[in-house]
């Protein structure tokens, strides 16, 4: 089984920040985790608020917890708020049901980690995550 490397994680962060710059977005924070939800790398841009680590981690870890993007987790929260609330209350990491958390897979489709981006709109956070994953030569769970 392959794993996300620090070099790959840092590349994702750089690419997400480049996308944010190109689109003139608000300051972002990006976390890349391993398949178990443990942070491999994290950075926040100058001006990003102090709570951004927990939000980025919650998007990534929430995606990993249910095996779907945090966007899908947000849809689940609207359909079954009690379920997502119970998950969040008992989870080892924060669970943030908003777009911006994407599961990373290797060439075989095996989960190797996740990316969580926060700081702008959830749609823009997700866009930065997806572009960064592709630019780093990795795969987003489809």
Protein backbone atom coordinates (compact mmCIF):
# COMPACT_ATOMS: atom_id res chain seq x y z
CA UNK A 1 0.00 0.00 0.00
CA UNK A 2 1.34 3.42 -0.88
CA UNK A 3 1.33 6.41 1.45
CA UNK A 4 1.32 10.15 1.04
CA UNK A 5 4.81 11.57 1.40
CA UNK A 6 5.83 14.86 2.97
CA UNK A 7 7.08 16.01 -0.43
CA UNK A 8 3.68 15.29 -2.01
CA UNK A 9 1.84 16.96 0.88
CA UNK A 10 3.96 20.10 0.59
CA UNK A 11 3.43 20.16 -3.18
CA UNK A 12 -0.35 20.07 -2.66
CA UNK A 13 -0.13 22.99 -0.25
CA UNK A 14 2.00 25.06 -2.64
CA UNK A 15 -0.36 24.35 -5.54
CA UNK A 16 -3.44 25.24 -3.48
CA UNK A 17 -1.86 28.56 -2.49
CA UNK A 18 -0.92 29.25 -6.12
CA UNK A 19 -4.54 28.68 -7.15
CA UNK A 20 -5.77 30.98 -4.39
CA UNK A 21 -3.36 33.67 -5.55
CA UNK A 22 -4.38 33.28 -9.20
CA UNK A 23 -8.07 33.60 -8.27
CA UNK A 24 -7.48 36.42 -5.74
CA UNK A 25 -9.11 34.42 -2.92
CA UNK A 26 -9.09 35.10 0.79
CA UNK A 27 -6.10 33.68 2.76
CA UNK A 28 -6.27 29.89 2.91
CA UNK A 29 -5.17 27.17 5.27
CA UNK A 30 -4.40 23.70 3.92
CA UNK A 31 -3.82 20.44 5.73
CA UNK A 32 -2.79 17.14 4.16
CA UNK A 33 -3.33 14.00 6.24
CA UNK A 34 -2.37 10.38 5.96
CA UNK A 35 -5.06 7.71 5.49
CA UNK A 36 -5.63 7.62 9.26
CA UNK A 37 -6.41 11.34 9.43
CA UNK A 38 -3.11 12.33 11.04
CA UNK A 39 -1.62 15.58 9.69
CA UNK A 40 1.39 15.19 7.42
CA UNK A 41 1.69 18.91 6.56
CA UNK A 42 -0.17 22.12 7.34
CA UNK A 43 0.25 25.76 6.42
CA UNK A 44 -1.91 28.84 6.63
CA UNK A 45 -1.36 31.96 4.60
CA UNK A 46 -0.70 35.30 6.22
CA UNK A 47 -4.01 36.72 7.32
CA UNK A 48 -5.81 33.39 7.73
CA UNK A 49 -7.63 33.21 11.04
CA UNK A 50 -6.39 31.11 13.92
CA UNK A 51 -9.17 28.52 13.80
CA UNK A 52 -8.31 27.42 10.30
CA UNK A 53 -6.25 24.38 11.32
CA UNK A 54 -9.23 22.78 13.05
CA UNK A 55 -11.53 23.59 10.14
CA UNK A 56 -9.13 22.23 7.50
CA UNK A 57 -8.49 19.10 9.57
CA UNK A 58 -12.23 18.68 10.14
CA UNK A 59 -12.91 18.75 6.42
CA UNK A 60 -10.15 16.21 5.66
CA UNK A 61 -10.85 13.92 8.63
CA UNK A 62 -14.60 14.10 8.10
CA UNK A 63 -14.15 12.95 4.51
CA UNK A 64 -11.98 10.06 5.64
CA UNK A 65 -14.40 9.10 8.42
CA UNK A 66 -17.19 8.35 5.95
CA UNK A 67 -15.23 7.73 2.76
CA UNK A 68 -16.81 10.64 0.87
CA UNK A 69 -15.86 14.24 0.16
CA UNK A 70 -16.73 16.82 2.79
CA UNK A 71 -19.16 18.29 0.24
CA UNK A 72 -21.08 15.01 0.32
CA UNK A 73 -20.81 15.04 4.11
CA UNK A 74 -22.47 18.47 4.05
CA UNK A 75 -25.32 17.06 1.97
CA UNK A 76 -25.65 14.22 4.47
CA UNK A 77 -25.78 16.75 7.31
CA UNK A 78 -28.80 18.39 5.70
CA UNK A 79 -30.52 15.05 5.08
CA UNK A 80 -29.64 13.45 8.42
CA UNK A 81 -28.40 16.12 10.86
CA UNK A 82 -28.69 13.81 13.86
CA UNK A 83 -26.35 11.29 12.22
CA UNK A 84 -23.64 13.82 11.34
CA UNK A 85 -24.02 15.48 14.73
CA UNK A 86 -23.50 12.15 16.48
CA UNK A 87 -20.49 11.42 14.28
CA UNK A 88 -18.97 14.80 15.07
CA UNK A 89 -19.57 14.35 18.80
CA UNK A 90 -17.79 11.00 18.90
CA UNK A 91 -15.07 11.48 16.29
CA UNK A 92 -11.39 11.58 17.19
CA UNK A 93 -10.94 14.66 14.97
CA UNK A 94 -13.26 17.57 14.21
CA UNK A 95 -15.86 16.86 11.52
CA UNK A 96 -16.71 19.83 9.29
CA UNK A 97 -19.49 19.07 6.79
CA UNK A 98 -18.61 21.69 4.17
CA UNK A 99 -16.88 21.45 0.79
CA UNK A 100 -13.09 21.57 0.81
CA UNK A 101 -12.17 18.10 2.09
CA UNK A 102 -11.08 15.61 -0.56
CA UNK A 103 -9.84 12.02 -0.19
CA UNK A 104 -6.53 11.21 -1.91
CA UNK A 105 -6.04 7.90 -3.69
CA UNK A 106 -3.11 6.16 -5.32
CA UNK A 107 -3.03 4.72 -8.85
CA UNK A 108 -4.92 1.61 -7.67
CA UNK A 109 -7.69 3.62 -6.03
CA UNK A 110 -6.51 2.93 -2.48
CA UNK A 111 -6.91 5.77 0.02
CA UNK A 112 -3.57 7.37 0.94
CA UNK A 113 -4.79 10.48 2.74
CA UNK A 114 -6.94 13.57 2.45
CA UNK A 115 -6.70 17.30 1.84
CA UNK A 116 -8.64 19.95 3.74
CA UNK A 117 -8.77 23.55 2.52
CA UNK A 118 -10.48 26.47 4.23
CA UNK A 119 -10.46 30.26 4.12
CA UNK A 120 -12.66 31.32 1.22
CA UNK A 121 -16.09 30.06 0.16
CA UNK A 122 -16.48 26.31 0.47
CA UNK A 123 -16.77 26.03 -3.32
CA UNK A 124 -13.48 27.88 -3.79
CA UNK A 125 -11.83 25.83 -1.03
CA UNK A 126 -12.81 22.66 -2.87
CA UNK A 127 -11.65 24.07 -6.22
CA UNK A 128 -8.22 24.81 -4.73
CA UNK A 129 -8.00 21.31 -3.27
CA UNK A 130 -8.93 19.62 -6.54
CA UNK A 131 -6.56 21.73 -8.65
CA UNK A 132 -3.73 21.19 -6.18
CA UNK A 133 -4.23 17.42 -6.13
CA UNK A 134 -4.17 17.27 -9.92
CA UNK A 135 -1.15 19.59 -10.19
CA UNK A 136 0.72 17.40 -7.71
CA UNK A 137 0.09 14.39 -9.96
CA UNK A 138 -2.17 12.66 -7.43
CA UNK A 139 -5.80 11.53 -7.59
CA UNK A 140 -8.96 12.75 -5.90
CA UNK A 141 -11.45 10.07 -4.96
CA UNK A 142 -14.06 10.04 -7.71
